[in-house]
């Protein structure tokens, strides 16, 4: 699909010139004002890769238009084309609209076309990177978390709940690069793969650990860091995970707003809040308890947590067959094969990997049915 370009100018003669010069080379639309341009972009099913705007237009200047586009559609690359060779306007355009190119009228066709082509290439780079982060990288991380679900179902369930809280908190706090915090939450418990299963089960069931067990558990964030630090673009995520057990007061005062500190505190708050609820506290009681712990948690995150509902509630207990399993469930009993082999332990969330494994067993040895599950909203 060809990338779309939008030319915005209040002079119809200028727009007609664009059509004559570029209609065989580009897929583009035109708008006669800033408001018309915004309405056109908002109504379009396909995003615009590039917007080329005149500066002097009635109602809304090109600078104001491109600044609003930057706010609402940040991936769209912005070019200013104006007859006013004014340095102040150029500086405003760059600072407020984050302009990719600044061109002056009259602009030779080859110069305009070259600038638009460069802008399209920039758009492709930005969207390709988002595609990598949004699908390829996240898909790879999902494989790791599904491995955790097979080896430690309680740790996997804890991960799902931590991710729920972290996603809500990053939205409420308007944090940039949400994907980093989301991946940090997804991978926060991956180091538990290396721990004895009885330690993991005791931790996530709310039981107290012995001294040696606690020392082993305290190492899981560093294990996770070593596992993922060499994955491209995940270095910051690795540091968030490595510091997840630290108190807020342990970070240097000048660094508490840095992303890796914020990420580690998001995980810490989400983890501890969930643990208190598992132990039987009401969400408001758990929050008040955490607020009384001086220096442990970032106060800004706790204030945001007041607006976050507790992780999903149970709707009902069901008994189902293997064919009826879906990813909105958790097992309320051990699942065994017909020969007695335990396939899945109680408490494990139903994932795509688990469903496929159970279907394979059911086609061969067979799985004992029905299976008792908890179904979530």
Protein backbone atom coordinates (compact mmCIF):
# COMPACT_ATOMS: atom_id res chain seq x y z
CA UNK A 1 0.00 0.00 0.00
CA UNK A 2 1.37 3.40 -1.02
CA UNK A 3 2.01 5.87 1.80
CA UNK A 4 -0.37 8.83 1.68
CA UNK A 5 0.68 12.49 1.64
CA UNK A 6 -1.46 15.50 2.55
CA UNK A 7 -0.80 18.97 1.12
CA UNK A 8 -2.42 21.86 3.03
CA UNK A 9 -2.65 25.35 1.55
CA UNK A 10 -5.41 27.98 1.46
CA UNK A 11 -4.59 28.91 -2.13
CA UNK A 12 -6.33 26.59 -4.59
CA UNK A 13 -3.85 27.55 -7.32
CA UNK A 14 -1.00 26.17 -5.22
CA UNK A 15 -2.88 22.90 -4.61
CA UNK A 16 -3.60 22.62 -8.33
CA UNK A 17 0.12 23.04 -8.99
CA UNK A 18 0.89 20.17 -6.62
CA UNK A 19 -1.59 17.97 -8.49
CA UNK A 20 -0.01 18.73 -11.86
CA UNK A 21 3.52 18.18 -10.60
CA UNK A 22 3.08 15.09 -8.44
CA UNK A 23 -0.09 13.17 -9.34
CA UNK A 24 1.88 10.49 -11.22
CA UNK A 25 4.48 10.11 -8.47
CA UNK A 26 2.60 10.21 -5.16
CA UNK A 27 -0.66 9.16 -3.56
CA UNK A 28 -1.92 12.34 -1.95
CA UNK A 29 -4.88 14.42 -0.80
CA UNK A 30 -5.27 18.18 -0.39
CA UNK A 31 -6.91 20.45 2.17
CA UNK A 32 -7.59 24.18 2.03
CA UNK A 33 -7.24 24.91 5.76
CA UNK A 34 -5.81 23.55 8.98
CA UNK A 35 -9.22 22.54 10.31
CA UNK A 36 -10.09 20.74 7.08
CA UNK A 37 -6.76 18.92 7.26
CA UNK A 38 -7.38 17.76 10.85
CA UNK A 39 -10.87 16.55 10.00
CA UNK A 40 -9.55 14.68 6.96
CA UNK A 41 -6.80 12.96 8.95
CA UNK A 42 -9.18 12.02 11.77
CA UNK A 43 -11.73 10.53 9.36
CA UNK A 44 -9.18 8.59 7.33
CA UNK A 45 -8.92 4.82 7.81
CA UNK A 46 -5.36 4.83 6.45
CA UNK A 47 -2.84 7.07 8.26
CA UNK A 48 -1.04 9.87 6.44
CA UNK A 49 2.70 9.34 6.22
CA UNK A 50 3.53 13.00 5.46
CA UNK A 51 1.80 16.36 5.84
CA UNK A 52 3.12 19.38 3.89
CA UNK A 53 1.59 22.61 5.21
CA UNK A 54 1.72 26.28 4.27
CA UNK A 55 2.45 28.68 7.13
CA UNK A 56 0.08 31.57 6.46
CA UNK A 57 -3.49 30.28 6.46
CA UNK A 58 -6.65 31.84 7.93
CA UNK A 59 -7.90 30.37 11.18
CA UNK A 60 -4.90 28.16 11.92
CA UNK A 61 -1.28 28.72 10.97
CA UNK A 62 0.88 25.97 9.55
CA UNK A 63 2.93 25.95 12.76
CA UNK A 64 -0.20 25.41 14.89
CA UNK A 65 -1.48 22.71 12.52
CA UNK A 66 1.76 20.73 12.50
CA UNK A 67 2.08 21.04 16.29
CA UNK A 68 -1.40 19.52 16.72
CA UNK A 69 -0.58 16.75 14.24
CA UNK A 70 2.56 16.00 16.22
CA UNK A 71 0.42 15.66 19.36
CA UNK A 72 -2.35 13.53 17.86
CA UNK A 73 -0.50 11.55 15.17
CA UNK A 74 3.18 11.57 16.18
CA UNK A 75 4.27 9.10 13.49
CA UNK A 76 3.19 11.43 10.67
CA UNK A 77 6.23 13.28 9.28
CA UNK A 78 5.75 17.04 8.98
CA UNK A 79 7.08 19.50 6.35
CA UNK A 80 6.62 23.29 6.33
CA UNK A 81 6.31 25.01 2.93
CA UNK A 82 5.96 28.79 3.04
CA UNK A 83 6.70 31.93 1.08
CA UNK A 84 7.92 33.68 4.20
CA UNK A 85 11.65 33.19 4.55
CA UNK A 86 11.45 34.18 8.20
CA UNK A 87 13.91 32.71 10.70
CA UNK A 88 11.51 33.10 13.64
CA UNK A 89 8.79 31.16 11.85
CA UNK A 90 11.29 28.46 10.96
CA UNK A 91 12.42 28.16 14.58
CA UNK A 92 8.81 28.01 15.83
CA UNK A 93 8.00 25.36 13.26
CA UNK A 94 10.93 23.21 14.29
CA UNK A 95 10.38 23.62 18.03
CA UNK A 96 6.57 23.36 18.16
CA UNK A 97 5.88 21.02 15.29
CA UNK A 98 9.12 19.03 15.24
CA UNK A 99 9.42 19.72 11.53
CA UNK A 100 11.29 17.28 9.31
CA UNK A 101 11.97 19.85 6.54
CA UNK A 102 11.47 23.59 6.10
CA UNK A 103 11.01 24.65 2.46
CA UNK A 104 10.35 28.09 0.97
CA UNK A 105 8.18 29.09 -1.99
CA UNK A 106 8.64 28.94 -4.87
CA UNK A 107 9.97 25.41 -4.43
CA UNK A 108 11.28 23.55 -7.51
CA UNK A 109 9.31 20.34 -8.17
CA UNK A 110 12.37 18.13 -7.81
CA UNK A 111 13.21 19.70 -4.43
CA UNK A 112 9.66 19.27 -3.13
CA UNK A 113 9.42 15.72 -4.41
CA UNK A 114 12.82 14.85 -2.94
CA UNK A 115 11.81 16.24 0.47
CA UNK A 116 8.54 14.30 0.44
CA UNK A 117 10.33 11.08 -0.54
CA UNK A 118 12.81 11.56 2.31
CA UNK A 119 9.88 12.12 4.68
CA UNK A 120 8.21 8.92 3.46
CA UNK A 121 11.43 6.99 4.13
CA UNK A 122 11.51 8.49 7.64
CA UNK A 123 7.92 7.39 8.18
CA UNK A 124 8.78 3.86 7.04
CA UNK A 125 11.67 3.72 9.51
CA UNK A 126 9.48 4.86 12.40
CA UNK A 127 6.64 2.46 11.62
CA UNK A 128 9.02 -0.43 10.93
CA UNK A 129 10.59 0.05 14.36
CA UNK A 130 7.17 0.08 15.98
CA UNK A 131 6.32 -3.09 14.08
CA UNK A 132 9.48 -4.68 15.46
CA UNK A 133 8.74 -3.61 19.01
CA UNK A 134 5.02 -4.24 18.84
CA UNK A 135 5.03 -7.66 17.24
CA UNK A 136 8.40 -9.32 16.72
CA UNK A 137 10.04 -8.42 20.02
CA UNK A 138 6.85 -8.75 22.05
CA UNK A 139 6.18 -12.11 20.43
CA UNK A 140 9.64 -13.35 21.42
CA UNK A 141 9.07 -12.18 24.98
CA UNK A 142 5.73 -13.99 24.99
CA UNK A 143 7.56 -17.24 24.28
CA UNK A 144 9.69 -16.71 27.39
CA UNK A 145 6.66 -15.99 29.57
CA UNK A 146 4.88 -19.08 28.30
CA UNK A 147 7.92 -21.13 29.28
CA UNK A 148 7.56 -19.64 32.76
CA UNK A 149 3.89 -20.70 32.78
CA UNK A 150 4.93 -24.29 32.10
CA UNK A 151 7.65 -24.42 34.77
CA UNK A 152 6.02 -22.26 37.46
CA UNK A 153 2.29 -21.57 37.11
CA UNK A 154 2.09 -19.44 40.25
CA UNK A 155 4.92 -17.19 39.05
CA UNK A 156 3.18 -16.94 35.69
CA UNK A 157 -0.08 -15.91 37.34
CA UNK A 158 1.78 -13.29 39.37
CA UNK A 159 3.32 -11.95 36.14
CA UNK A 160 -0.09 -11.53 34.53
CA UNK A 161 -1.38 -9.53 37.49
CA UNK A 162 1.75 -7.36 37.69
CA UNK A 163 1.39 -6.57 34.00
CA UNK A 164 -2.25 -5.55 34.53
CA UNK A 165 -1.29 -3.00 37.20
CA UNK A 166 1.77 -1.69 35.35
CA UNK A 167 -0.22 -1.07 32.16
CA UNK A 168 -2.86 0.90 34.04
CA UNK A 169 -0.27 2.90 35.98
CA UNK A 170 1.80 3.86 32.92
CA UNK A 171 -1.36 5.19 31.28
CA UNK A 172 -2.38 7.19 34.34
CA UNK A 173 1.13 8.62 34.73
CA UNK A 174 1.40 9.46 31.01
CA UNK A 175 4.81 7.78 30.78
CA UNK A 176 6.58 7.75 27.44
CA UNK A 177 7.70 4.51 25.78
CA UNK A 178 5.07 2.42 27.54
CA UNK A 179 6.35 -0.68 25.76
CA UNK A 180 9.47 -0.72 27.96
CA UNK A 181 7.45 -0.82 31.17
CA UNK A 182 5.08 -3.40 29.71
CA UNK A 183 7.92 -5.72 28.70
CA UNK A 184 9.59 -5.21 32.08
CA UNK A 185 6.37 -6.33 33.76
CA UNK A 186 6.05 -9.33 31.40
CA UNK A 187 9.61 -10.44 32.18
CA UNK A 188 9.76 -9.39 35.83
CA UNK A 189 9.44 -12.96 37.19
CA UNK A 190 11.33 -14.81 34.46
CA UNK A 191 14.29 -15.37 36.79
CA UNK A 192 12.08 -17.68 38.85
CA UNK A 193 12.68 -20.35 36.20
CA UNK A 194 15.98 -21.11 37.96
CA UNK A 195 14.51 -21.37 41.49
CA UNK A 196 13.36 -24.57 43.21
CA UNK A 197 9.64 -24.91 42.63
CA UNK A 198 8.82 -25.15 46.34
CA UNK A 199 10.35 -21.71 46.95
CA UNK A 200 8.36 -20.12 44.15
CA UNK A 201 5.13 -21.75 45.32
CA UNK A 202 5.67 -20.55 48.90
CA UNK A 203 6.38 -16.96 47.79
CA UNK A 204 3.37 -16.61 45.53
CA UNK A 205 1.07 -18.40 47.97
CA UNK A 206 1.98 -15.80 50.61
CA UNK A 207 3.98 -18.16 52.85
CA UNK A 208 7.05 -16.99 54.76
CA UNK A 209 10.43 -18.14 53.47
CA UNK A 210 13.30 -19.44 55.54
CA UNK A 211 16.55 -17.48 55.63
CA UNK A 212 18.30 -19.54 52.94
CA UNK A 213 15.17 -19.63 50.80
CA UNK A 214 14.84 -15.84 51.02
CA UNK A 215 18.47 -15.38 49.96
CA UNK A 216 17.85 -17.55 46.89
CA UNK A 217 14.65 -15.71 46.00
CA UNK A 218 16.35 -12.33 46.24
CA UNK A 219 18.60 -13.37 43.35
CA UNK A 220 15.84 -13.86 40.79
CA UNK A 221 15.90 -10.23 39.50
CA UNK A 222 19.63 -10.46 38.76
CA UNK A 223 19.14 -13.80 37.05
CA UNK A 224 16.48 -12.22 34.85
CA UNK A 225 18.80 -9.33 34.03
CA UNK A 226 21.49 -11.72 32.86
CA UNK A 227 18.97 -13.63 30.75
CA UNK A 228 17.71 -10.61 28.81
CA UNK A 229 20.43 -7.92 29.00
CA UNK A 230 21.97 -9.06 25.71
CA UNK A 231 18.70 -8.87 23.78
CA UNK A 232 18.84 -5.77 21.52
CA UNK A 233 16.89 -2.78 22.89
CA UNK A 234 16.11 -4.49 26.19
CA UNK A 235 19.02 -3.20 28.25
CA UNK A 236 16.85 -0.60 30.02
CA UNK A 237 14.19 -3.24 30.63
CA UNK A 238 16.83 -5.50 32.17
CA UNK A 239 17.85 -2.79 34.64
CA UNK A 240 14.21 -2.15 35.60
CA UNK A 241 13.83 -5.84 36.43
CA UNK A 242 17.14 -6.06 38.28
CA UNK A 243 16.11 -3.25 40.68
CA UNK A 244 12.53 -4.36 41.33
CA UNK A 245 13.13 -5.34 44.96
CA UNK A 246 14.80 -2.06 45.93
CA UNK A 247 13.09 0.50 48.14
CA UNK A 248 12.39 3.91 46.63
CA UNK A 249 14.76 5.54 49.16
CA UNK A 250 17.66 3.37 47.96
CA UNK A 251 17.83 5.20 44.62
CA UNK A 252 19.93 8.41 44.41
CA UNK A 253 17.62 11.47 44.82
CA UNK A 254 18.63 12.91 41.43
CA UNK A 255 17.72 9.73 39.55
CA UNK A 256 14.27 8.86 40.90
CA UNK A 257 12.53 10.15 37.75
CA UNK A 258 14.73 8.15 35.37
CA UNK A 259 12.90 5.46 33.36
CA UNK A 260 14.77 2.50 34.87
CA UNK A 261 13.94 3.70 38.40
CA UNK A 262 10.31 4.36 37.50
CA UNK A 263 10.06 0.93 35.87
CA UNK A 264 11.51 -0.89 38.86
CA UNK A 265 9.16 0.96 41.20
CA UNK A 266 6.15 0.19 39.02
CA UNK A 267 6.97 -3.51 39.31
CA UNK A 268 7.60 -3.22 43.07
CA UNK A 269 4.30 -1.42 43.71
CA UNK A 270 2.31 -3.80 41.50
CA UNK A 271 3.94 -6.88 43.02
CA UNK A 272 3.49 -5.87 46.65
CA UNK A 273 -0.07 -4.62 46.12
CA UNK A 274 -1.03 -7.94 44.54
CA UNK A 275 0.65 -9.90 47.35
CA UNK A 276 -1.32 -8.02 50.01
CA UNK A 277 -4.58 -8.73 48.19
CA UNK A 278 -3.70 -12.42 47.88
CA UNK A 279 -3.17 -12.46 51.66
CA UNK A 280 -6.76 -11.29 52.09
CA UNK A 281 -6.54 -7.49 52.29
CA UNK A 282 -9.16 -5.32 50.63
CA UNK A 283 -7.55 -3.15 47.89
CA UNK A 284 -8.11 0.09 49.85
CA UNK A 285 -6.62 -1.49 52.98
CA UNK A 286 -3.60 -2.72 51.01
CA UNK A 287 -3.04 0.74 49.53
CA UNK A 288 -3.22 2.44 52.94
CA UNK A 289 -0.76 -0.10 54.33
CA UNK A 290 1.71 0.66 51.54
CA UNK A 291 1.32 4.41 52.01
CA UNK A 292 2.46 4.02 55.62
CA UNK A 293 5.75 2.38 54.60
CA UNK A 294 8.10 5.38 54.54
CA UNK A 295 10.67 5.34 51.77
CA UNK A 296 9.57 2.03 50.29
CA UNK A 297 7.39 3.18 47.39
CA UNK A 298 7.29 6.09 44.97
CA UNK A 299 4.44 8.33 46.31
CA UNK A 300 3.49 9.39 42.78
CA UNK A 301 2.86 5.77 41.79
CA UNK A 302 0.83 5.12 44.94
CA UNK A 303 -1.39 8.11 44.17
CA UNK A 304 -2.02 6.70 40.70
CA UNK A 305 -2.72 3.25 42.16
CA UNK A 306 -5.78 4.68 43.93
CA UNK A 307 -7.46 4.89 40.50
CA UNK A 308 -6.57 1.35 39.39
CA UNK A 309 -9.11 -1.41 39.98
CA UNK A 310 -7.83 -4.64 41.49
CA UNK A 311 -6.97 -7.35 38.97
CA UNK A 312 -9.86 -9.15 37.38
CA UNK A 313 -12.44 -10.78 39.57
CA UNK A 314 -13.62 -14.39 39.36
CA UNK A 315 -16.92 -14.81 37.59
CA UNK A 316 -17.56 -18.50 38.14
CA UNK A 317 -16.21 -22.00 38.58
CA UNK A 318 -16.77 -24.28 35.60
CA UNK A 319 -16.03 -27.82 34.52
CA UNK A 320 -14.98 -28.07 30.90
CA UNK A 321 -13.38 -30.41 28.42
CA UNK A 322 -10.05 -29.80 26.73
CA UNK A 323 -11.85 -28.50 23.64
CA UNK A 324 -13.55 -25.77 25.71
CA UNK A 325 -10.42 -24.28 27.28
CA UNK A 326 -9.59 -20.65 26.52
CA UNK A 327 -7.13 -18.01 27.71
CA UNK A 328 -9.65 -16.35 30.06
CA UNK A 329 -9.35 -19.20 32.53
CA UNK A 330 -7.11 -20.64 35.26
CA UNK A 331 -7.00 -24.27 36.42
CA UNK A 332 -8.69 -24.97 39.76
CA UNK A 333 -7.25 -28.49 39.95
CA UNK A 334 -4.30 -30.50 38.74
CA UNK A 335 -4.84 -31.77 35.21
CA UNK A 336 -3.70 -35.34 34.63
CA UNK A 337 -3.33 -37.69 31.70
CA UNK A 338 -5.24 -40.98 31.72
CA UNK A 339 -2.04 -42.78 32.76
CA UNK A 340 -1.82 -40.62 35.91
CA UNK A 341 0.88 -38.21 34.73
CA UNK A 342 0.33 -34.66 36.08
CA UNK A 343 0.29 -32.36 33.06
CA UNK A 344 -0.70 -29.02 34.59
CA UNK A 345 -0.75 -27.91 38.20
CA UNK A 346 -3.58 -26.15 40.00
CA UNK A 347 -3.37 -22.36 39.84
CA UNK A 348 -1.81 -22.18 36.40
CA UNK A 349 -3.37 -19.77 33.91
CA UNK A 350 -4.62 -21.23 30.67
CA UNK A 351 -2.34 -20.12 27.82
CA UNK A 352 -2.22 -20.93 24.15
CA UNK A 353 0.82 -23.18 24.73
CA UNK A 354 -0.93 -25.14 27.48
CA UNK A 355 -4.06 -25.60 25.37
CA UNK A 356 -2.02 -26.99 22.47
CA UNK A 357 -0.11 -29.32 24.80
CA UNK A 358 -3.30 -30.68 26.35
CA UNK A 359 -4.91 -31.16 22.93
CA UNK A 360 -1.88 -33.17 21.80
CA UNK A 361 -2.07 -35.38 24.91
CA UNK A 362 -5.80 -35.79 24.45
CA UNK A 363 -5.28 -37.02 20.90
CA UNK A 364 -2.80 -39.62 22.16
CA UNK A 365 -2.72 -40.86 25.74
CA UNK A 366 -5.82 -38.92 26.71
CA UNK A 367 -6.60 -36.31 29.38
CA UNK A 368 -8.93 -36.93 32.31
CA UNK A 369 -12.06 -34.84 31.85
CA UNK A 370 -13.94 -32.81 32.94
CA UNK A 371 -11.46 -30.19 34.15
CA UNK A 372 -12.41 -27.70 36.85
CA UNK A 373 -11.41 -24.12 35.96
CA UNK A 374 -11.93 -20.55 37.15
CA UNK A 375 -13.33 -18.36 34.37
CA UNK A 376 -12.53 -14.65 34.48
CA UNK A 377 -14.39 -11.65 33.16
